[in-house]
Amino acid sequence: MRPFFLFALLFFLTPLGARAQDVLPPNYAPLAEAYVVLDLDSGRILYSKNPDERLFPASTTKTMTTLVAFENAKTNSIIRVTKEAANTGESSAYLREGEQRTVDELIRAAMVRSANDACVALADGVAGSIPNFAALMNARVKSLGLKNTNFVNPHGLHDPNHFTSARDLALIGRAFTQYPYLNSVIRLKSTDIGGNALVKSRVFKNRNKLLFRWPACDGLKTGSTKQAGHCLVATATERDPRTGKYWRLLSVVLKSRGNFTYLDTEYLLQKAFNSFSLHSVVKPTEALWQGDVKGGAFPLDAVATRAIELPLRADEVTGLSKKVNLLTLAAPLKKGQPVGSVIYFANGQQLAQIPLVARADVPQTLLSKTLPGIGNRLFSPSLGGKFLWGGIVLGLFAILLLWRRARIERRRRLKRNARSKPSFEPVQPRDLSRRP
């Protein structure tokens, strides 16, 4: 292992901009227990190792903490620092009990300084207590559909019931980076949150060394405890040589060692940028599914909300396929309403799942409005709707046969009646004028 430590030392002594792949040996394998590299635009996972293993996140927890705080409070809201927050140990912004700070200042302290006291202050100010705030964090976990994450505190200090996975943390990071304000925070190399009664100002340097080491890096959050090892969530943006467009990746490295955390991260991200290129798979307003829905007056056009470009390896381009999965739909539908998703595959492997929405309103038919039960079944593309139509056609045919039969029988009856009547000769009146 000693040669690898020499490579780590060499890496951090090389000039800025030198690529990790140029410094590391060809057979380098990341030391992290688990990792994920994810394309932020499409959500495709490009590389992974033990992505669903439950591990301790340490201070990368603060990605979710600041996301929840930002979504539940205004950045200019004032929070009074509680005694519990001021007494929180480990990494600190030196907050004092009774001090008043804005949500913005506390978010910057949490993400740049990795201040635990700022996280507790946010929890108290936003939700009233740490347990209440943890409940908000776990509600957000549920909304993201995460399967291997549970939070019990806002700072990530060790607790056996506080865990996540590389995949889940990547999805939290993806939700985080959707907000321009939060992106601006994680790009900061330093920040000043202002002073208090004890100090005139508090200027903190970002603990993410990759921000200073690699120009492409533009976020996110470090973390380390004895139990979690060294962890890093990072984002980087580079220009795709094939298309000339910039694209952004996110990586999660859990339970690595010291500076190898940065080596692992940069190696994985650079490998992804070099091995994949962007390919347009969905054009704006392109209908990915067209068809009738139950009770709809018009057909539905299912579209993606925006153009989608997937990162693909050269060998995946020709083997690309897609499958559309629709929700159970019934008119009326509103423009922009979620209607399903499209899943892209390459060589049989699922790449990404893109949500679909209605391109335009789909109103109800008049019949489905006035007779909802019958109308919905009549205009349903399902097997039941087809049977109902078949029954109506057969019923009309039966009525027609009965009417025709009744008409024929009536004619026959009239003919029989005509033949059975006796024939009478007309009686001539007597001529009384010829009496003898």
Protein backbone atom coordinates (compact mmCIF):
# COMPACT_ATOMS: atom_id res chain seq x y z
CA MET A 1 0.00 0.00 0.00
CA ARG A 2 2.98 2.31 0.54
CA PRO A 3 3.38 3.11 -3.20
CA PHE A 4 -0.20 4.36 -3.30
CA PHE A 5 0.46 6.78 -0.45
CA LEU A 6 3.41 8.10 -2.46
CA PHE A 7 1.06 8.60 -5.42
CA ALA A 8 -1.35 10.47 -3.14
CA LEU A 9 1.44 12.76 -1.98
CA LEU A 10 2.61 13.27 -5.55
CA PHE A 11 -0.92 14.09 -6.66
CA PHE A 12 -1.28 16.97 -4.23
CA LEU A 13 2.18 18.31 -5.04
CA THR A 14 1.53 18.46 -8.79
CA PRO A 15 0.42 21.78 -10.36
CA LEU A 16 -3.26 22.70 -10.46
CA GLY A 17 -5.05 21.27 -13.46
CA ALA A 18 -2.95 18.10 -13.67
CA ARG A 19 -5.25 15.16 -14.26
CA ALA A 20 -5.60 12.40 -11.70
CA GLN A 21 -5.41 9.81 -14.50
CA ASP A 22 -2.00 11.21 -15.52
CA VAL A 23 -0.61 10.85 -12.00
CA LEU A 24 -2.15 7.57 -10.87
CA PRO A 25 -0.96 4.16 -12.03
CA PRO A 26 -2.96 2.51 -14.85
CA ASN A 27 -4.28 -0.21 -12.53
CA TYR A 28 -5.54 2.26 -9.89
CA ALA A 29 -8.73 1.15 -8.17
CA PRO A 30 -10.58 3.58 -5.87
CA LEU A 31 -10.15 2.71 -2.20
CA ALA A 32 -13.67 3.80 -1.22
CA GLU A 33 -16.00 1.17 0.22
CA ALA A 34 -18.78 2.51 -2.02
CA TYR A 35 -19.12 5.08 -4.78
CA VAL A 36 -21.47 6.37 -7.47
CA VAL A 37 -20.95 8.67 -10.45
CA LEU A 38 -24.19 10.21 -11.70
CA ASP A 39 -25.13 12.46 -14.62
CA LEU A 40 -27.10 15.31 -13.04
CA ASP A 41 -29.19 16.06 -16.12
CA SER A 42 -30.55 12.60 -16.93
CA GLY A 43 -29.93 10.85 -13.60
CA ARG A 44 -28.01 8.04 -15.29
CA ILE A 45 -25.50 6.27 -13.02
CA LEU A 46 -22.26 5.91 -14.99
CA TYR A 47 -20.14 4.03 -12.45
CA SER A 48 -20.88 2.43 -9.11
CA LYS A 49 -19.50 0.14 -6.43
CA ASN A 50 -21.71 -1.15 -3.61
CA PRO A 51 -24.23 1.62 -4.41
CA ASP A 52 -26.90 0.35 -1.99
CA GLU A 53 -24.70 -0.60 0.96
CA ARG A 54 -25.76 1.22 4.13
CA LEU A 55 -22.90 3.33 5.44
CA PHE A 56 -22.44 6.31 7.75
CA PRO A 57 -22.49 9.66 5.91
CA ALA A 58 -20.74 11.88 8.51
CA SER A 59 -20.99 15.57 7.50
CA THR A 60 -22.25 14.83 4.00
CA THR A 61 -25.53 14.71 5.96
CA LYS A 62 -25.48 18.51 5.74
CA THR A 63 -26.43 18.26 2.07
CA MET A 64 -29.89 17.12 3.18
CA THR A 65 -29.91 19.46 6.19
CA THR A 66 -29.44 22.60 4.11
CA LEU A 67 -31.78 21.33 1.37
CA VAL A 68 -34.59 20.86 3.90
CA ALA A 69 -33.85 24.17 5.62
CA PHE A 70 -33.89 26.03 2.30
CA GLU A 71 -37.16 24.39 1.23
CA ASN A 72 -38.87 25.19 4.53
CA ALA A 73 -37.62 28.69 5.40
CA LYS A 74 -36.77 31.97 3.72
CA THR A 75 -33.05 32.72 3.49
CA ASN A 76 -33.52 36.14 5.14
CA SER A 77 -35.44 34.70 8.11
CA ILE A 78 -33.82 35.33 11.49
CA ILE A 79 -33.00 32.41 13.80
CA ARG A 80 -32.02 32.82 17.45
CA VAL A 81 -29.23 30.45 18.47
CA THR A 82 -30.30 28.14 21.29
CA LYS A 83 -28.12 26.87 24.12
CA GLU A 84 -28.20 23.38 22.59
CA ALA A 85 -26.92 24.73 19.27
CA ALA A 86 -24.17 26.81 20.87
CA ASN A 87 -22.94 23.80 22.88
CA THR A 88 -22.76 21.43 19.88
CA GLY A 89 -19.24 20.05 19.62
CA GLU A 90 -16.75 19.15 16.88
CA SER A 91 -16.63 21.50 13.86
CA SER A 92 -18.11 24.85 14.84
CA ALA A 93 -18.91 28.36 13.60
CA TYR A 94 -18.43 29.63 17.19
CA LEU A 95 -22.08 30.58 17.60
CA ARG A 96 -23.19 31.92 20.97
CA GLU A 97 -26.50 31.41 22.79
CA GLY A 98 -28.93 34.20 21.97
CA GLU A 99 -27.04 35.26 18.84
CA GLN A 100 -29.29 35.97 15.87
CA ARG A 101 -28.30 34.74 12.42
CA THR A 102 -30.12 34.54 9.09
CA VAL A 103 -30.94 31.22 7.46
CA ASP A 104 -28.53 32.18 4.67
CA GLU A 105 -25.65 32.71 7.12
CA LEU A 106 -26.33 29.40 8.83
CA ILE A 107 -26.53 27.51 5.51
CA ARG A 108 -23.20 28.99 4.41
CA ALA A 109 -21.62 28.11 7.76
CA ALA A 110 -22.95 24.54 7.50
CA MET A 111 -21.76 23.93 3.94
CA VAL A 112 -18.48 25.88 3.85
CA ARG A 113 -17.24 25.52 7.43
CA SER A 114 -19.16 22.25 8.06
CA ALA A 115 -20.39 23.86 11.27
CA ASN A 116 -22.39 21.50 13.50
CA ASP A 117 -23.70 24.34 15.67
CA ALA A 118 -25.13 26.03 12.56
CA CYS A 119 -26.96 22.80 11.67
CA VAL A 120 -28.57 22.54 15.10
CA ALA A 121 -29.53 26.21 14.93
CA LEU A 122 -31.23 25.55 11.58
CA ALA A 123 -33.02 22.51 13.01
CA ASP A 124 -34.28 24.46 16.03
CA GLY A 125 -35.27 27.49 13.98
CA VAL A 126 -37.02 25.61 11.17
CA ALA A 127 -38.71 22.76 13.05
CA GLY A 128 -38.45 23.60 16.76
CA SER A 129 -36.19 20.68 17.71
CA ILE A 130 -33.75 18.13 16.33
CA PRO A 131 -36.32 15.26 16.35
CA ASN A 132 -38.85 17.41 14.47
CA PHE A 133 -36.23 18.43 11.92
CA ALA A 134 -35.08 14.82 11.50
CA ALA A 135 -38.71 13.98 10.72
CA LEU A 136 -38.64 16.61 7.96
CA MET A 137 -35.41 15.13 6.62
CA ASN A 138 -36.90 11.64 6.53
CA ALA A 139 -40.07 12.93 4.88
CA ARG A 140 -37.84 14.33 2.13
CA VAL A 141 -36.08 10.95 1.95
CA LYS A 142 -39.46 9.34 1.33
CA SER A 143 -40.41 11.89 -1.33
CA LEU A 144 -37.21 11.05 -3.22
CA GLY A 145 -37.98 7.34 -3.05
CA LEU A 146 -34.78 6.48 -1.16
CA LYS A 147 -34.56 2.96 0.27
CA ASN A 148 -31.40 2.90 2.38
CA THR A 149 -31.38 6.20 4.28
CA ASN A 150 -32.45 7.28 7.76
CA PHE A 151 -31.50 10.51 9.53
CA VAL A 152 -31.63 11.18 13.27
CA ASN A 153 -29.66 14.45 13.44
CA PRO A 154 -28.81 17.40 11.17
CA HIS A 155 -24.99 17.29 11.43
CA GLY A 156 -23.96 13.67 10.88
CA LEU A 157 -22.18 13.02 14.19
CA HIS A 158 -22.18 9.27 14.65
CA ASP A 159 -25.37 7.43 15.52
CA PRO A 160 -25.92 3.77 14.61
CA ASN A 161 -29.39 4.62 13.29
CA HIS A 162 -28.10 7.43 11.07
CA PHE A 163 -27.09 6.00 7.69
CA THR A 164 -27.36 6.29 3.90
CA SER A 165 -26.00 4.71 0.72
CA ALA A 166 -23.94 6.04 -2.17
CA ARG A 167 -26.95 5.87 -4.51
CA ASP A 168 -29.29 7.61 -2.06
CA LEU A 169 -26.77 10.33 -1.30
CA ALA A 170 -26.27 10.92 -5.03
CA LEU A 171 -30.03 11.41 -5.44
CA ILE A 172 -30.06 13.83 -2.49
CA GLY A 173 -27.23 15.72 -4.16
CA ARG A 174 -29.17 15.81 -7.43
CA ALA A 175 -32.19 17.33 -5.66
CA PHE A 176 -29.87 19.82 -3.92
CA THR A 177 -28.25 21.02 -7.16
CA GLN A 178 -31.61 21.89 -8.73
CA TYR A 179 -31.60 25.15 -6.72
CA PRO A 180 -29.39 27.99 -8.04
CA TYR A 181 -29.00 29.48 -4.55
CA LEU A 182 -27.65 26.23 -3.08
CA ASN A 183 -25.32 25.85 -6.07
CA SER A 184 -23.92 29.31 -5.37
CA VAL A 185 -23.20 28.30 -1.76
CA ILE A 186 -21.25 25.15 -2.55
CA ARG A 187 -19.06 27.02 -5.07
CA LEU A 188 -17.79 29.38 -2.36
CA LYS A 189 -14.12 28.94 -1.52
CA SER A 190 -14.63 31.05 1.60
CA THR A 191 -17.42 32.94 3.33
CA ASP A 192 -17.91 35.56 6.07
CA ILE A 193 -21.00 35.08 8.23
CA GLY A 194 -20.40 38.21 10.30
CA GLY A 195 -19.31 38.70 13.87
CA ASN A 196 -20.83 38.54 17.32
CA ALA A 197 -20.07 39.88 20.78
CA LEU A 198 -16.82 37.93 20.92
CA VAL A 199 -15.45 38.29 17.36
CA LYS A 200 -15.77 41.02 14.74
CA SER A 201 -16.06 38.64 11.79
CA ARG A 202 -15.96 34.95 11.00
CA VAL A 203 -14.35 34.11 7.67
CA PHE A 204 -14.32 30.40 6.91
CA LYS A 205 -12.44 28.57 4.19
CA ASN A 206 -14.18 25.75 2.35
CA ARG A 207 -13.02 22.33 3.52
CA ASN A 208 -13.49 20.78 0.09
CA LYS A 209 -9.88 20.64 -1.19
CA LEU A 210 -11.03 19.67 -4.66
CA LEU A 211 -12.42 23.20 -5.17
CA PHE A 212 -8.84 24.48 -4.96
CA ARG A 213 -7.20 21.51 -6.63
CA TRP A 214 -9.32 20.97 -9.80
CA PRO A 215 -10.88 23.89 -11.77
CA ALA A 216 -13.75 21.70 -13.02
CA CYS A 217 -14.98 21.04 -9.47
CA ASP A 218 -17.91 23.25 -8.41
CA GLY A 219 -19.17 21.67 -5.13
CA LEU A 220 -20.32 19.87 -2.87
CA LYS A 221 -19.62 18.52 0.71
CA THR A 222 -16.97 16.70 2.71
CA GLY A 223 -17.41 14.49 5.77
CA SER A 224 -15.45 12.28 8.14
CA THR A 225 -15.84 10.45 11.41
CA LYS A 226 -14.04 7.45 12.84
CA GLN A 227 -16.97 5.19 11.95
CA ALA A 228 -17.72 6.72 8.53
CA GLY A 229 -14.16 7.10 7.33
CA HIS A 230 -13.58 9.89 4.82
CA CYS A 231 -16.48 10.82 2.54
CA LEU A 232 -16.99 13.30 -0.26
CA VAL A 233 -19.90 14.34 -2.44
CA ALA A 234 -18.55 16.37 -5.37
CA THR A 235 -19.77 17.97 -8.58
CA ALA A 236 -17.77 18.91 -11.66
CA THR A 237 -18.58 20.52 -15.00
CA GLU A 238 -16.65 20.00 -18.24
CA ARG A 239 -17.17 20.63 -21.96
CA ASP A 240 -18.10 17.64 -24.10
CA PRO A 241 -15.66 17.60 -27.05
CA ARG A 242 -18.18 15.92 -29.38
CA THR A 243 -21.05 18.40 -28.95
CA GLY A 244 -19.30 21.42 -27.45
CA LYS A 245 -21.88 21.49 -24.64
CA TYR A 246 -21.08 21.65 -20.95
CA TRP A 247 -22.38 18.90 -18.71
CA ARG A 248 -22.21 18.29 -15.00
CA LEU A 249 -21.55 15.12 -13.06
CA LEU A 250 -21.91 14.27 -9.38
CA SER A 251 -19.89 11.69 -7.48
CA VAL A 252 -20.30 10.14 -4.04
CA VAL A 253 -17.35 8.48 -2.33
CA LEU A 254 -18.00 6.81 1.05
CA LYS A 255 -15.59 5.31 3.54
CA SER A 256 -12.34 6.13 1.77
CA ARG A 257 -9.07 7.17 3.48
CA GLY A 258 -7.63 10.65 3.90
CA ASN A 259 -6.53 12.32 0.66
CA PHE A 260 -7.46 9.18 -1.25
CA THR A 261 -11.01 10.51 -0.96
CA TYR A 262 -10.04 13.27 -3.40
CA LEU A 263 -7.99 10.91 -5.56
CA ASP A 264 -10.94 8.52 -5.82
CA THR A 265 -13.33 11.37 -6.63
CA GLU A 266 -11.27 13.09 -9.31
CA TYR A 267 -10.25 9.80 -10.89
CA LEU A 268 -13.88 8.64 -11.19
CA LEU A 269 -15.18 11.95 -12.52
CA GLN A 270 -12.39 12.36 -15.07
CA LYS A 271 -12.84 8.77 -16.20
CA ALA A 272 -16.54 9.43 -16.80
CA PHE A 273 -15.91 12.66 -18.72
CA ASN A 274 -13.38 10.83 -20.93
CA SER A 275 -15.43 7.68 -21.53
CA PHE A 276 -18.87 9.14 -22.26
CA SER A 277 -20.24 11.77 -24.62
CA LEU A 278 -23.62 13.46 -24.88
CA HIS A 279 -26.26 12.22 -27.33
CA SER A 280 -29.67 13.78 -27.87
CA VAL A 281 -32.44 11.24 -27.22
CA VAL A 282 -35.45 13.52 -26.67
CA LYS A 283 -36.19 16.72 -28.58
CA PRO A 284 -38.32 19.52 -27.10
CA THR A 285 -42.08 18.81 -27.43
CA GLU A 286 -41.39 15.44 -29.11
CA ALA A 287 -44.29 13.04 -28.48
CA LEU A 288 -42.92 9.81 -27.04
CA TRP A 289 -46.39 8.21 -26.86
CA GLN A 290 -49.69 8.99 -28.59
CA GLY A 291 -53.02 7.32 -28.01
CA ASP A 292 -56.53 7.41 -26.52
CA VAL A 293 -57.24 7.57 -22.81
CA LYS A 294 -60.40 6.59 -20.96
CA GLY A 295 -63.16 9.13 -21.52
CA GLY A 296 -60.92 11.47 -23.54
CA ALA A 297 -62.31 13.65 -26.32
CA PHE A 298 -58.87 13.87 -27.94
CA PRO A 299 -55.81 11.60 -28.05
CA LEU A 300 -53.02 12.15 -25.54
CA ASP A 301 -49.52 13.22 -26.53
CA ALA A 302 -47.02 12.27 -23.80
CA VAL A 303 -43.87 14.41 -23.91
CA ALA A 304 -40.77 15.03 -21.80
CA THR A 305 -40.66 18.39 -20.05
CA ARG A 306 -37.43 19.35 -21.84
CA ALA A 307 -34.81 18.10 -24.25
CA ILE A 308 -32.80 15.18 -22.86
CA GLU A 309 -29.21 14.32 -23.67
CA LEU A 310 -27.85 11.04 -22.39
CA PRO A 311 -24.17 10.34 -21.77
CA LEU A 312 -23.35 7.25 -23.82
CA ARG A 313 -20.26 5.19 -24.50
CA ALA A 314 -19.43 4.61 -28.16
CA ASP A 315 -20.64 1.00 -27.98
CA GLU A 316 -24.04 2.04 -26.58
CA VAL A 317 -25.13 4.42 -29.33
CA THR A 318 -26.38 1.79 -31.80
CA GLY A 319 -28.00 -0.39 -29.13
CA LEU A 320 -30.23 2.32 -27.64
CA SER A 321 -33.92 1.47 -27.10
CA LYS A 322 -36.79 2.82 -25.04
CA LYS A 323 -39.93 1.65 -23.24
CA VAL A 324 -42.86 3.88 -22.25
CA ASN A 325 -44.69 3.17 -18.98
CA LEU A 326 -48.00 5.00 -18.53
CA LEU A 327 -49.91 5.66 -15.35
CA THR A 328 -53.57 4.63 -15.10
CA LEU A 329 -55.12 7.57 -16.97
CA ALA A 330 -58.63 8.95 -17.40
CA ALA A 331 -59.87 12.26 -18.79
CA PRO A 332 -59.85 15.08 -17.99
CA LEU A 333 -56.06 15.62 -18.13
CA LYS A 334 -54.34 18.98 -17.77
CA LYS A 335 -51.40 20.25 -19.79
CA GLY A 336 -48.18 19.38 -17.92
CA GLN A 337 -49.87 16.69 -15.79
CA PRO A 338 -47.59 13.67 -15.12
CA VAL A 339 -48.72 10.71 -17.23
CA GLY A 340 -45.85 8.22 -16.96
CA SER A 341 -42.19 7.81 -17.85
CA VAL A 342 -39.87 6.59 -20.58
CA ILE A 343 -37.00 4.24 -19.75
CA TYR A 344 -33.93 4.11 -21.98
CA PHE A 345 -31.88 0.97 -22.40
CA ALA A 346 -28.55 0.22 -24.08
CA ASN A 347 -27.62 -3.38 -24.77
CA GLY A 348 -30.35 -4.49 -22.36
CA GLN A 349 -29.13 -2.33 -19.46
CA GLN A 350 -31.37 0.40 -18.05
CA LEU A 351 -29.74 3.81 -18.42
CA ALA A 352 -32.23 6.43 -17.29
CA GLN A 353 -35.91 7.00 -16.53
CA ILE A 354 -37.40 10.28 -17.77
CA PRO A 355 -40.83 11.57 -16.56
CA LEU A 356 -43.53 12.27 -19.16
CA VAL A 357 -46.33 14.85 -19.04
CA ALA A 358 -49.39 15.71 -21.13
CA ARG A 359 -48.55 18.09 -23.99
CA ALA A 360 -52.05 19.63 -23.95
CA ASP A 361 -55.37 19.38 -22.13
CA VAL A 362 -57.42 16.24 -22.81
CA PRO A 363 -61.06 17.05 -21.96
CA GLN A 364 -63.79 14.50 -21.31
CA THR A 365 -66.23 13.42 -23.99
CA LEU A 366 -69.82 14.64 -23.61
CA LEU A 367 -71.00 11.07 -23.02
CA SER A 368 -68.43 10.44 -20.30
CA LYS A 369 -69.54 13.69 -18.62
CA THR A 370 -73.25 12.88 -18.65
CA LEU A 371 -72.99 9.12 -18.12
CA PRO A 372 -69.65 8.69 -16.37
CA GLY A 373 -69.88 4.94 -15.82
CA ILE A 374 -71.05 3.96 -19.29
CA GLY A 375 -69.11 6.71 -21.05
CA ASN A 376 -65.82 5.79 -19.45
CA ARG A 377 -66.28 2.14 -20.37
CA LEU A 378 -67.35 2.97 -23.90
CA PHE A 379 -64.30 5.07 -24.65
CA SER A 380 -61.83 2.92 -22.78
CA PRO A 381 -59.15 1.24 -24.94
CA SER A 382 -59.23 -1.67 -22.50
CA LEU A 383 -60.65 -5.12 -23.15
CA GLY A 384 -63.74 -4.25 -21.10
CA GLY A 385 -64.49 -1.29 -23.36
CA LYS A 386 -64.18 -3.45 -26.44
CA PHE A 387 -66.58 -6.04 -24.98
CA LEU A 388 -69.10 -3.28 -24.23
CA TRP A 389 -68.96 -2.02 -27.80
CA GLY A 390 -69.37 -5.61 -29.02
CA GLY A 391 -72.41 -6.04 -26.80
CA ILE A 392 -73.98 -2.86 -28.16
CA VAL A 393 -73.45 -3.95 -31.76
CA LEU A 394 -74.90 -7.42 -31.07
CA GLY A 395 -77.85 -5.85 -29.27
CA LEU A 396 -78.62 -3.55 -32.19
CA PHE A 397 -78.32 -6.50 -34.60
CA ALA A 398 -80.75 -8.53 -32.46
CA ILE A 399 -83.26 -5.66 -32.42
CA LEU A 400 -82.99 -5.36 -36.19
CA LEU A 401 -83.66 -9.10 -36.61
CA LEU A 402 -86.67 -8.98 -34.30
CA TRP A 403 -88.11 -5.99 -36.13
CA ARG A 404 -87.61 -7.68 -39.52
CA ARG A 405 -89.15 -10.90 -38.23
CA ALA A 406 -92.15 -9.04 -36.84
CA ARG A 407 -92.65 -7.25 -40.15
CA ILE A 408 -92.54 -10.52 -42.13
CA GLU A 409 -94.97 -12.16 -39.71
CA ARG A 410 -97.39 -9.25 -40.06
CA ARG A 411 -97.40 -9.60 -43.85
CA ARG A 412 -98.09 -13.33 -43.63
CA ARG A 413 -100.96 -12.76 -41.25
CA LEU A 414 -102.56 -10.24 -43.58
CA LYS A 415 -102.34 -12.69 -46.50
CA ARG A 416 -103.97 -15.49 -44.49
CA ASN A 417 -106.81 -13.23 -43.45
CA ALA A 418 -107.43 -12.20 -47.04
CA ARG A 419 -107.76 -15.84 -48.26
CA SER A 420 -110.17 -16.91 -45.53
CA LYS A 421 -112.87 -14.24 -46.24
CA PRO A 422 -116.19 -15.54 -48.18
CA SER A 423 -116.97 -13.94 -51.54
CA PHE A 424 -120.45 -12.24 -51.95
CA GLU A 425 -122.11 -11.07 -55.20
CA PRO A 426 -123.69 -7.68 -54.96
CA VAL A 427 -127.56 -7.73 -54.57
CA GLN A 428 -129.41 -5.92 -57.32
CA PRO A 429 -132.22 -3.66 -56.12
CA ARG A 430 -135.76 -4.63 -57.21
CA ASP A 431 -137.45 -2.50 -59.90
CA LEU A 432 -140.93 -1.73 -58.46
CA SER A 433 -142.08 0.16 -61.55
CA ARG A 434 -142.63 -3.10 -63.46
CA ARG A 435 -145.51 -4.47 -61.35
CA PRO A 436 -148.15 -6.32 -63.35
